[in-house]
């Protein structure tokens, strides 16, 4: 199973895939000022557990 780009995670939420032995291929970090809105959701889960 391949996941492609996953949804956003924030504030210590888990992200990625656990138990699949996949390597990390990309990371995107989006910093927002305190009190500003977080990025809108992508409609895709941010974490998958096997």
Protein backbone atom coordinates (compact mmCIF):
# COMPACT_ATOMS: atom_id res chain seq x y z
CA UNK A 1 0.00 0.00 0.00
CA UNK A 2 1.39 3.40 -0.96
CA UNK A 3 0.11 6.56 0.68
CA UNK A 4 1.55 9.50 -1.27
CA UNK A 5 1.26 12.85 0.47
CA UNK A 6 -0.64 12.62 3.75
CA UNK A 7 -2.82 15.19 5.48
CA UNK A 8 -1.63 17.82 7.95
CA UNK A 9 -0.82 17.04 11.59
CA UNK A 10 -0.34 19.62 14.32
CA UNK A 11 0.46 20.02 18.01
CA UNK A 12 2.05 16.62 18.69
CA UNK A 13 -0.38 14.65 16.52
CA UNK A 14 1.09 11.54 14.91
CA UNK A 15 1.79 11.64 11.20
CA UNK A 16 3.12 9.14 8.70
CA UNK A 17 2.76 5.35 8.54
CA UNK A 18 3.71 2.95 11.34
CA UNK A 19 4.39 -0.74 10.88
CA UNK A 20 4.89 -0.65 7.10
CA UNK A 21 8.73 -0.31 6.98
CA UNK A 22 8.44 2.58 4.50
CA UNK A 23 11.13 5.23 4.38
CA UNK A 24 10.51 8.93 4.73
CA UNK A 25 10.62 10.60 1.33
CA UNK A 26 9.48 14.18 1.96
CA UNK A 27 8.64 16.58 4.76
CA UNK A 28 6.72 19.82 4.43
CA UNK A 29 6.67 22.22 7.36
CA UNK A 30 4.28 25.15 7.49
CA UNK A 31 4.82 27.61 10.34
CA UNK A 32 1.97 29.93 11.22
CA UNK A 33 1.89 32.80 13.68
CA UNK A 34 0.32 32.06 17.05
CA UNK A 35 -3.42 32.64 16.84
CA UNK A 36 -3.57 32.31 13.04
CA UNK A 37 -5.57 29.54 11.38
CA UNK A 38 -3.86 26.24 10.63
CA UNK A 39 -3.61 25.11 6.98
CA UNK A 40 -6.89 23.75 5.64
CA UNK A 41 -7.30 20.00 5.61
CA UNK A 42 -6.41 17.92 2.59
CA UNK A 43 -9.17 15.39 3.14
CA UNK A 44 -6.49 12.70 3.63
CA UNK A 45 -5.53 11.04 6.92
CA UNK A 46 -2.29 12.22 8.49
CA UNK A 47 -1.43 8.84 10.08
CA UNK A 48 -1.84 5.16 9.20
CA UNK A 49 -1.15 2.27 11.63
CA UNK A 50 -0.73 -1.30 10.44
